[in-house]
C-alpha atoms as a PDB file:
ATOM      1  CA  MET A   1     -18.728 -15.305  -2.432  1.00  0.00           C
ATOM      2  CA  ALA A   2     -15.740 -13.515  -3.769  1.00  0.00           C
ATOM      3  CA  LYS A   3     -12.274 -14.980  -3.820  1.00  0.00           C
ATOM      4  CA  VAL A   4     -10.270 -13.407  -1.018  1.00  0.00           C
ATOM      5  CA  PHE A   5      -6.524 -13.629  -1.008  1.00  0.00           C
ATOM      6  CA  LYS A   6      -4.943 -12.193   2.469  1.00  0.00           C
ATOM      7  CA  ALA A   7      -1.244 -10.619   2.477  1.00  0.00           C
ATOM      8  CA  HIS A   8       0.704 -10.240   5.603  1.00  0.00           C
ATOM      9  CA  ASN A   9      -0.632  -7.394   7.928  1.00  0.00           C
ATOM     10  CA  PRO A  10       2.192  -5.345   9.252  1.00  0.00           C
ATOM     11  CA  LEU A  11      -0.224  -3.636  11.594  1.00  0.00           C
ATOM     12  CA  ARG A  12      -1.200  -7.144  13.183  1.00  0.00           C
ATOM     13  CA  VAL A  13       2.619  -7.705  13.558  1.00  0.00           C
ATOM     14  CA  GLU A  14       3.176  -4.466  15.326  1.00  0.00           C
ATOM     15  CA  THR A  15       0.286  -4.851  17.580  1.00  0.00           C
ATOM     16  CA  TYR A  16       1.450  -8.136  18.584  1.00  0.00           C
ATOM     17  CA  ARG A  17       5.068  -6.938  19.151  1.00  0.00           C
ATOM     18  CA  TYR A  18       3.805  -3.921  21.525  1.00  0.00           C
ATOM     19  CA  ILE A  19       1.520  -6.370  23.560  1.00  0.00           C
ATOM     20  CA  THR A  20       4.832  -8.902  24.046  1.00  0.00           C
ATOM     21  CA  ILE A  21       6.847  -5.751  24.867  1.00  0.00           C
ATOM     22  CA  ILE A  22       4.092  -4.401  27.658  1.00  0.00           C
ATOM     23  CA  SER A  23       3.537  -8.155  29.030  1.00  0.00           C
ATOM     24  CA  ALA A  24       7.639  -8.316  29.092  1.00  0.00           C
ATOM     25  CA  LEU A  25       8.114  -5.150  31.101  1.00  0.00           C
ATOM     26  CA  TRP A  26       5.501  -6.085  33.807  1.00  0.00           C
ATOM     27  CA  LEU A  27       6.876  -9.823  33.963  1.00  0.00           C
ATOM     28  CA  ILE A  28      10.264  -7.972  34.830  1.00  0.00           C
ATOM     29  CA  SER A  29       8.397  -5.684  37.132  1.00  0.00           C
ATOM     30  CA  PHE A  30       7.376  -8.750  39.278  1.00  0.00           C
ATOM     31  CA  PHE A  31      11.115  -9.891  39.892  1.00  0.00           C
ATOM     32  CA  VAL A  32      12.121  -6.378  40.534  1.00  0.00           C
ATOM     33  CA  PHE A  33       9.372  -6.357  43.294  1.00  0.00           C
ATOM     34  CA  VAL A  34      10.853  -9.586  44.838  1.00  0.00           C
ATOM     35  CA  LEU A  35      14.349  -8.164  44.763  1.00  0.00           C
ATOM     36  CA  MET A  36      13.144  -4.731  46.384  1.00  0.00           C
ATOM     37  CA  ASP A  37      12.145  -6.906  49.645  1.00  0.00           C
ATOM     38  CA  VAL A  38      15.526  -8.549  49.440  1.00  0.00           C
ATOM     39  CA  LEU A  39      18.334  -6.116  48.506  1.00  0.00           C
ATOM     40  CA  GLU A  40      17.816  -2.482  49.868  1.00  0.00           C
ATOM     41  CA  ILE A  41      19.806  -0.980  46.911  1.00  0.00           C
ATOM     42  CA  MET A  42      16.970  -2.226  44.331  1.00  0.00           C
ATOM     43  CA  GLN A  43      14.471   0.020  45.912  1.00  0.00           C
ATOM     44  CA  TYR A  44      16.019   3.263  44.526  1.00  0.00           C
ATOM     45  CA  PHE A  45      16.204   1.082  41.046  1.00  0.00           C
ATOM     46  CA  GLY A  46      12.841  -0.550  41.543  1.00  0.00           C
ATOM     47  CA  TYR A  47      10.852   2.684  41.700  1.00  0.00           C
ATOM     48  CA  GLY A  48      12.487   4.302  38.845  1.00  0.00           C
ATOM     49  CA  TYR A  49      11.689   1.182  36.779  1.00  0.00           C
ATOM     50  CA  LEU A  50       8.260   1.070  37.840  1.00  0.00           C
ATOM     51  CA  CYS A  51       7.570   4.525  36.643  1.00  0.00           C
ATOM     52  CA  PHE A  52       9.309   3.821  33.591  1.00  0.00           C
ATOM     53  CA  VAL A  53       7.091   0.919  32.923  1.00  0.00           C
ATOM     54  CA  CYS A  54       3.903   2.743  33.860  1.00  0.00           C
ATOM     55  CA  LEU A  55       5.039   5.511  31.298  1.00  0.00           C
ATOM     56  CA  MET A  56       5.974   2.887  28.605  1.00  0.00           C
ATOM     57  CA  SER A  57       2.412   0.811  29.102  1.00  0.00           C
ATOM     58  CA  GLY A  58       0.446   3.869  28.824  1.00  0.00           C
ATOM     59  CA  TYR A  59       2.473   5.094  25.593  1.00  0.00           C
ATOM     60  CA  LEU A  60       2.655   1.455  24.011  1.00  0.00           C
ATOM     61  CA  GLY A  61      -1.171   0.700  25.372  1.00  0.00           C
ATOM     62  CA  ARG A  62      -2.363   3.887  23.161  1.00  0.00           C
ATOM     63  CA  LYS A  63      -0.991   2.655  20.181  1.00  0.00           C
ATOM     64  CA  VAL A  64      -2.407  -0.773  20.633  1.00  0.00           C
ATOM     65  CA  ARG A  65      -5.761   0.569  21.019  1.00  0.00           C
ATOM     66  CA  ILE A  66      -5.296   2.703  17.947  1.00  0.00           C
ATOM     67  CA  ASN A  67      -4.113  -0.575  15.839  1.00  0.00           C
ATOM     68  CA  LEU A  68      -6.638  -2.813  17.119  1.00  0.00           C
ATOM     69  CA  ASN A  69      -9.291   0.189  15.972  1.00  0.00           C
ATOM     70  CA  GLY A  70      -7.730   0.074  12.586  1.00  0.00           C
ATOM     71  CA  LEU A  71      -7.714  -3.990  12.196  1.00  0.00           C
ATOM     72  CA  THR A  72     -11.496  -3.744  13.204  1.00  0.00           C
ATOM     73  CA  GLY A  73     -12.412  -1.539  10.746  1.00  0.00           C
ATOM     74  CA  GLU A  74     -10.211  -3.750   7.848  1.00  0.00           C
ATOM     75  CA  ALA A  75     -12.092  -6.787   9.464  1.00  0.00           C
ATOM     76  CA  ARG A  76     -15.529  -5.247   8.944  1.00  0.00           C
ATOM     77  CA  ALA A  77     -14.796  -3.899   5.510  1.00  0.00           C
ATOM     78  CA  LEU A  78     -13.248  -7.484   4.449  1.00  0.00           C
ATOM     79  CA  LYS A  79     -16.379  -9.306   5.824  1.00  0.00           C
ATOM     80  CA  ILE A  80     -18.565  -6.653   3.604  1.00  0.00           C
ATOM     81  CA  VAL A  81     -16.709  -7.177   0.350  1.00  0.00           C
ATOM     82  CA  ARG A  82     -16.352 -10.852   0.449  1.00  0.00           C
ATOM     83  CA  ASN A  83     -19.952 -11.049  -0.174  1.00  0.00           C
ATOM     84  CA  LEU A  84     -19.547  -9.626  -3.814  1.00  0.00           C
ATOM     85  CA  PRO A  85     -20.175 -12.346  -6.721  1.00  0.00           C
ATOM     86  CA  PRO A  86     -17.825 -15.176  -7.033  1.00  0.00           C
ATOM     87  CA  ASP A  87     -16.327 -13.566 -10.396  1.00  0.00           C
ATOM     88  CA  TYR A  88     -14.707 -10.929  -8.151  1.00  0.00           C
ATOM     89  CA  THR A  89     -11.120 -11.165  -6.364  1.00  0.00           C
ATOM     90  CA  VAL A  90     -10.462  -9.455  -3.311  1.00  0.00           C
ATOM     91  CA  PHE A  91      -6.790  -8.710  -2.185  1.00  0.00           C
ATOM     92  CA  SER A  92      -6.095  -7.585   1.578  1.00  0.00           C
ATOM     93  CA  ASN A  93      -3.228  -5.953   3.105  1.00  0.00           C
ATOM     94  CA  VAL A  94      -1.124  -5.778  -0.213  1.00  0.00           C
ATOM     95  CA  THR A  95       2.177  -4.015  -0.028  1.00  0.00           C
ATOM     96  CA  LEU A  96       3.229  -2.891  -3.406  1.00  0.00           C
ATOM     97  CA  LEU A  97       6.512  -1.895  -4.400  1.00  0.00           C
ATOM     98  CA  TYR A  98       6.944   0.369  -7.292  1.00  0.00           C
ATOM     99  CA  GLU A  99       9.942   2.967  -7.943  1.00  0.00           C
ATOM    100  CA  GLU A 100      11.630   1.617  -4.818  1.00  0.00           C
ATOM    101  CA  GLN A 101       8.739   3.289  -2.795  1.00  0.00           C
ATOM    102  CA  GLU A 102       5.820   0.982  -0.790  1.00  0.00           C
ATOM    103  CA  SER A 103       2.307   1.482  -0.251  1.00  0.00           C
ATOM    104  CA  GLU A 104       0.640  -0.743   2.353  1.00  0.00           C
ATOM    105  CA  THR A 105      -3.069  -1.073   0.893  1.00  0.00           C
ATOM    106  CA  ASP A 106      -6.162  -2.233   2.644  1.00  0.00           C
ATOM    107  CA  LEU A 107      -8.219  -3.537  -0.072  1.00  0.00           C
ATOM    108  CA  ILE A 108      -7.607  -4.287  -3.989  1.00  0.00           C
ATOM    109  CA  ILE A 109     -10.733  -5.693  -5.782  1.00  0.00           C
ATOM    110  CA  VAL A 110     -10.398  -7.096  -9.298  1.00  0.00           C
ATOM    111  CA  GLY A 111     -13.432  -7.803 -11.243  1.00  0.00           C
ATOM    112  CA  LYS A 112     -15.318  -7.179 -14.463  1.00  0.00           C
ATOM    113  CA  LYS A 113     -16.429  -3.775 -13.776  1.00  0.00           C
ATOM    114  CA  GLY A 114     -12.480  -2.838 -13.124  1.00  0.00           C
ATOM    115  CA  VAL A 115     -10.004  -2.451 -10.472  1.00  0.00           C
ATOM    116  CA  PHE A 116     -10.886  -0.912  -7.306  1.00  0.00           C
ATOM    117  CA  LEU A 117      -8.606   0.375  -4.529  1.00  0.00           C
ATOM    118  CA  ILE A 118     -10.031   0.888  -1.239  1.00  0.00           C
ATOM    119  CA  GLU A 119      -8.780   2.462   1.835  1.00  0.00           C
ATOM    120  CA  VAL A 120     -10.504   1.572   4.936  1.00  0.00           C
ATOM    121  CA  LYS A 121     -10.980   3.822   7.899  1.00  0.00           C
ATOM    122  CA  ASN A 122     -12.739   2.797  11.307  1.00  0.00           C
ATOM    123  CA  HIS A 123     -13.246   6.403  12.960  1.00  0.00           C
ATOM    124  CA  THR A 124     -16.340   7.691  14.596  1.00  0.00           C
ATOM    125  CA  GLY A 125     -17.415  10.968  15.180  1.00  0.00           C
ATOM    126  CA  VAL A 126     -18.307  13.889  12.567  1.00  0.00           C
ATOM    127  CA  ILE A 127     -15.523  13.993   9.469  1.00  0.00           C
ATOM    128  CA  THR A 128     -14.927  17.143   7.907  1.00  0.00           C
ATOM    129  CA  GLY A 129     -12.675  17.817   4.915  1.00  0.00           C
ATOM    130  CA  LYS A 130     -12.193  18.974   1.338  1.00  0.00           C
ATOM    131  CA  PRO A 131     -10.364  17.342  -1.670  1.00  0.00           C
ATOM    132  CA  ASP A 132      -7.308  20.009  -1.250  1.00  0.00           C
ATOM    133  CA  ASP A 133      -7.165  19.845   2.293  1.00  0.00           C
ATOM    134  CA  LYS A 134      -3.772  18.127   3.650  1.00  0.00           C
ATOM    135  CA  ARG A 135      -5.527  17.171   6.930  1.00  0.00           C
ATOM    136  CA  TRP A 136      -9.270  16.232   7.549  1.00  0.00           C
ATOM    137  CA  VAL A 137     -10.518  16.731  10.816  1.00  0.00           C
ATOM    138  CA  GLN A 138     -12.699  14.233  13.292  1.00  0.00           C
ATOM    139  CA  PHE A 139     -14.924  15.954  15.858  1.00  0.00           C
ATOM    140  CA  LYS A 140     -15.554  13.793  18.726  1.00  0.00           C
ATOM    141  CA  GLU A 141     -17.378  13.826  22.007  1.00  0.00           C
ATOM    142  CA  THR A 142     -15.692  12.628  25.018  1.00  0.00           C
ATOM    143  CA  LYS A 143     -17.810  10.436  27.867  1.00  0.00           C
ATOM    144  CA  LEU A 144     -17.683  13.479  29.961  1.00  0.00           C
ATOM    145  CA  GLY A 145     -19.280  15.567  27.212  1.00  0.00           C
ATOM    146  CA  GLY A 146     -16.284  17.585  26.336  1.00  0.00           C
ATOM    147  CA  LYS A 147     -15.719  17.976  22.454  1.00  0.00           C
ATOM    148  CA  TYR A 148     -11.870  17.992  20.773  1.00  0.00           C
ATOM    149  CA  ALA A 149     -10.869  17.896  17.206  1.00  0.00           C
ATOM    150  CA  ASN A 150      -8.267  15.118  15.940  1.00  0.00           C
ATOM    151  CA  PRO A 151      -6.863  16.183  12.302  1.00  0.00           C
ATOM    152  CA  PHE A 152      -5.567  13.215  10.327  1.00  0.00           C
ATOM    153  CA  TYR A 153      -3.652  12.840   6.712  1.00  0.00           C
ATOM    154  CA  ASN A 154      -6.256  13.435   4.024  1.00  0.00           C
ATOM    155  CA  PRO A 155      -7.133   9.829   2.906  1.00  0.00           C
ATOM    156  CA  THR A 156      -8.034  10.443  -0.549  1.00  0.00           C
ATOM    157  CA  LYS A 157      -4.396  11.800  -1.140  1.00  0.00           C
ATOM    158  CA  GLN A 158      -3.308   8.587   0.449  1.00  0.00           C
ATOM    159  CA  VAL A 159      -5.494   6.641  -1.839  1.00  0.00           C
ATOM    160  CA  LYS A 160      -3.992   8.599  -4.828  1.00  0.00           C
ATOM    161  CA  THR A 161      -0.612   7.831  -4.064  1.00  0.00           C
ATOM    162  CA  HIS A 162      -1.559   4.152  -3.605  1.00  0.00           C
ATOM    163  CA  VAL A 163      -3.284   4.250  -7.028  1.00  0.00           C
ATOM    164  CA  TYR A 164      -0.376   5.578  -8.593  1.00  0.00           C
ATOM    165  CA  ARG A 165       2.045   2.713  -7.566  1.00  0.00           C
ATOM    166  CA  LEU A 166      -0.606  -0.004  -8.246  1.00  0.00           C
ATOM    167  CA  SER A 167      -1.022   1.634 -11.561  1.00  0.00           C
ATOM    168  CA  GLY A 168       2.742   1.267 -12.158  1.00  0.00           C
ATOM    169  CA  VAL A 169       2.826  -2.179 -11.044  1.00  0.00           C
ATOM    170  CA  LEU A 170      -0.047  -3.107 -13.491  1.00  0.00           C
ATOM    171  CA  LYS A 171       1.508  -1.253 -16.558  1.00  0.00           C
ATOM    172  CA  GLU A 172       4.592  -3.279 -16.339  1.00  0.00           C
ATOM    173  CA  VAL A 173       2.356  -6.275 -17.114  1.00  0.00           C
ATOM    174  CA  GLY A 174       0.458  -4.391 -20.152  1.00  0.00           C
ATOM    175  CA  TYR A 175      -2.463  -3.131 -17.977  1.00  0.00           C
ATOM    176  CA  SER A 176      -2.778   0.439 -18.477  1.00  0.00           C
ATOM    177  CA  TYR A 177      -6.434   1.370 -17.735  1.00  0.00           C
ATOM    178  CA  TRP A 178      -8.380   3.202 -15.172  1.00  0.00           C
ATOM    179  CA  ILE A 179      -8.005   2.058 -11.346  1.00  0.00           C
ATOM    180  CA  GLN A 180     -10.633   3.451  -9.311  1.00  0.00           C
ATOM    181  CA  GLY A 181      -9.686   4.628  -5.940  1.00  0.00           C
ATOM    182  CA  MET A 182     -11.922   5.228  -2.796  1.00  0.00           C
ATOM    183  CA  VAL A 183     -11.926   5.667   0.800  1.00  0.00           C
ATOM    184  CA  TYR A 184     -14.553   3.692   3.027  1.00  0.00           C
ATOM    185  CA  PHE A 185     -15.516   4.971   6.360  1.00  0.00           C
ATOM    186  CA  VAL A 186     -17.082   1.528   7.979  1.00  0.00           C
ATOM    187  CA  ASN A 187     -17.867   2.735  11.478  1.00  0.00           C
ATOM    188  CA  PRO A 188     -21.354   2.784  11.962  1.00  0.00           C
ATOM    189  CA  LEU A 189     -21.194   5.768  14.614  1.00  0.00           C
ATOM    190  CA  VAL A 190     -19.498   7.936  11.854  1.00  0.00           C
ATOM    191  CA  GLU A 191     -20.965  10.855  10.085  1.00  0.00           C
ATOM    192  CA  VAL A 192     -18.872  12.318   7.076  1.00  0.00           C
ATOM    193  CA  LYS A 193     -19.214  15.600   5.684  1.00  0.00           C
ATOM    194  CA  ALA A 194     -16.064  15.252   3.891  1.00  0.00           C
ATOM    195  CA  TYR A 195     -16.078  14.958  -0.246  1.00  0.00           C
ATOM    196  CA  SER A 196     -13.668  14.692  -3.091  1.00  0.00           C
ATOM    197  CA  ASN A 197     -14.643  15.090  -6.510  1.00  0.00           C
ATOM    198  CA  GLN A 198     -12.482  12.025  -8.016  1.00  0.00           C
ATOM    199  CA  ILE A 199     -12.048   9.755  -5.015  1.00  0.00           C
ATOM    200  CA  PRO A 200     -15.510   8.535  -3.585  1.00  0.00           C
ATOM    201  CA  VAL A 201     -16.040   8.777  -0.082  1.00  0.00           C
ATOM    202  CA  LEU A 202     -18.305   5.804   1.027  1.00  0.00           C
ATOM    203  CA  THR A 203     -19.750   4.992   4.458  1.00  0.00           C
ATOM    204  CA  LEU A 204     -21.922   1.953   5.676  1.00  0.00           C
ATOM    205  CA  ASN A 205     -25.021   3.923   4.218  1.00  0.00           C
ATOM    206  CA  LYS A 206     -23.457   3.860   0.759  1.00  0.00           C
ATOM    207  CA  SER A 207     -21.789   0.739   0.740  1.00  0.00           C
ATOM    208  CA  PHE A 208     -19.355  -0.634  -1.554  1.00  0.00           C
ATOM    209  CA  LYS A 209     -21.769  -3.150  -2.935  1.00  0.00           C
ATOM    210  CA  SER A 210     -24.360  -0.341  -3.711  1.00  0.00           C
ATOM    211  CA  PHE A 211     -21.520   1.824  -5.624  1.00  0.00           C
ATOM    212  CA  LEU A 212     -20.691  -1.386  -7.558  1.00  0.00           C
ATOM    213  CA  ASP A 213     -24.087  -1.925  -8.598  1.00  0.00           C
ATOM    214  CA  GLU A 214     -24.398   1.841  -9.834  1.00  0.00           C
ATOM    215  CA  TYR A 215     -20.897   2.067 -11.223  1.00  0.00           C
ATOM    216  CA  GLU A 216     -20.662   2.333 -14.929  1.00  0.00           C
ATOM    217  CA  PRO A 217     -17.030   1.639 -16.545  1.00  0.00           C
ATOM    218  CA  LYS A 218     -15.853   2.997 -19.538  1.00  0.00           C
ATOM    219  CA  ARG A 219     -14.825  -0.504 -20.547  1.00  0.00           C
ATOM    220  CA  GLU A 220     -15.436  -3.886 -18.902  1.00  0.00           C
ATOM    221  CA  VAL A 221     -11.973  -5.976 -18.194  1.00  0.00           C
ATOM    222  CA  THR A 222     -11.662  -9.027 -19.815  1.00  0.00           C
ATOM    223  CA  LYS A 223     -11.262 -12.299 -17.973  1.00  0.00           C
ATOM    224  CA  ALA A 224      -7.640 -12.740 -19.561  1.00  0.00           C
ATOM    225  CA  GLU A 225      -6.828  -9.123 -18.257  1.00  0.00           C
ATOM    226  CA  GLN A 226      -8.384  -9.937 -14.714  1.00  0.00           C
ATOM    227  CA  GLN A 227      -6.199 -13.046 -14.785  1.00  0.00           C
ATOM    228  CA  LEU A 228      -3.048 -10.908 -15.633  1.00  0.00           C
ATOM    229  CA  ILE A 229      -3.920  -8.286 -12.930  1.00  0.00           C
ATOM    230  CA  ILE A 230      -4.461 -11.142 -10.526  1.00  0.00           C
ATOM    231  CA  THR A 231      -1.284 -12.970 -11.236  1.00  0.00           C
ATOM    232  CA  SER A 232       0.645  -9.594 -10.984  1.00  0.00           C
ATOM    233  CA  ILE A 233      -0.705  -8.701  -7.558  1.00  0.00           C
ATOM    234  CA  ARG A 234      -0.120 -12.375  -6.167  1.00  0.00           C
ATOM    235  CA  LYS A 235       3.396 -11.973  -7.324  1.00  0.00           C
ATOM    236  CA  GLN A 236       3.601  -8.724  -4.936  1.00  0.00           C
ATOM    237  CA  ILE A 237       2.445 -10.700  -2.199  1.00  0.00           C
ATOM    238  CA  ALA A 238       4.996 -13.542  -2.660  1.00  0.00           C
ATOM    239  CA  TYR A 239       7.738 -10.992  -3.100  1.00  0.00           C
ATOM    240  CA  GLU A 240       6.895  -9.199   0.144  1.00  0.00           C
ATOM    241  CA  LYS A 241       6.919 -12.720   1.719  1.00  0.00           C
ATOM    242  CA  GLN A 242      10.341 -13.300   0.593  1.00  0.00           C
ATOM    243  CA  ARG A 243      11.703  -9.744   1.986  1.00  0.00           C
ATOM    244  CA  ILE A 244      10.168 -10.604   5.329  1.00  0.00           C
ATOM    245  CA  LYS A 245      11.622 -14.148   5.332  1.00  0.00           C
ATOM    246  CA  PHE A 246      15.095 -12.394   4.619  1.00  0.00           C
ATOM    247  CA  ARG A 247      14.800  -9.786   7.082  1.00  0.00           C
ATOM    248  CA  GLN A 248      13.975 -12.011   9.908  1.00  0.00           C
ATOM    249  CA  PRO A 249      17.295 -13.765  10.327  1.00  0.00           C
ATOM    250  CA  GLN A 250      18.889 -10.347  10.511  1.00  0.00           C
ATOM    251  CA  GLU A 251      16.517  -9.101  13.209  1.00  0.00           C
ATOM    252  CA  ASN A 252      16.910 -12.117  15.300  1.00  0.00           C
END
């Protein structure tokens, strides 16, 4: 099995925060109900507050569902790439900082065949899009049989940005070779009709392991270079931990 390093996952933290807020709002609602029985004036405030809680719970609940869907996809992809050979190293949820700009990556894989940056998507339905499109489109069918289209930012453009920043980080330590970016749709209920000439778009039918077996790099990455890359990425993880540590007292 591959060596796996997990970094801080902002999506998981955000999800917990939303769930905490929803729980707190409904806990306060309980006390508002009690006061409404005791104080008549609280009835006017109470009904307004309950409407607010319902609206906020619906809004935050939708964000929680979206985030949980993303986390499920990340976990599914990590489970797949974890089974790579032991001479591969997998990084999950690394935040890259380059030129004062951040990139929150899903997976970075380092091995003798190269460096791979993977953007994970857990969409269902039919995905359509072209390389130059600003947005791709997800077509889905509701439980009642209705159909709708959901545009989302072209993930291949997202990958190119992440690859640019990772390239910049690695150039600072002397590694300036090709980094292969890709998009990985990991939901079994997706049909991908989108494509890109430079960025491979994979599904469970064309897994990363299959892609890697067929992939022929222009040159293999030496063990010394792999160690250099791994050390550089681990420094990015350590730096992000320090940034979070220094931010927490200010937030509290």
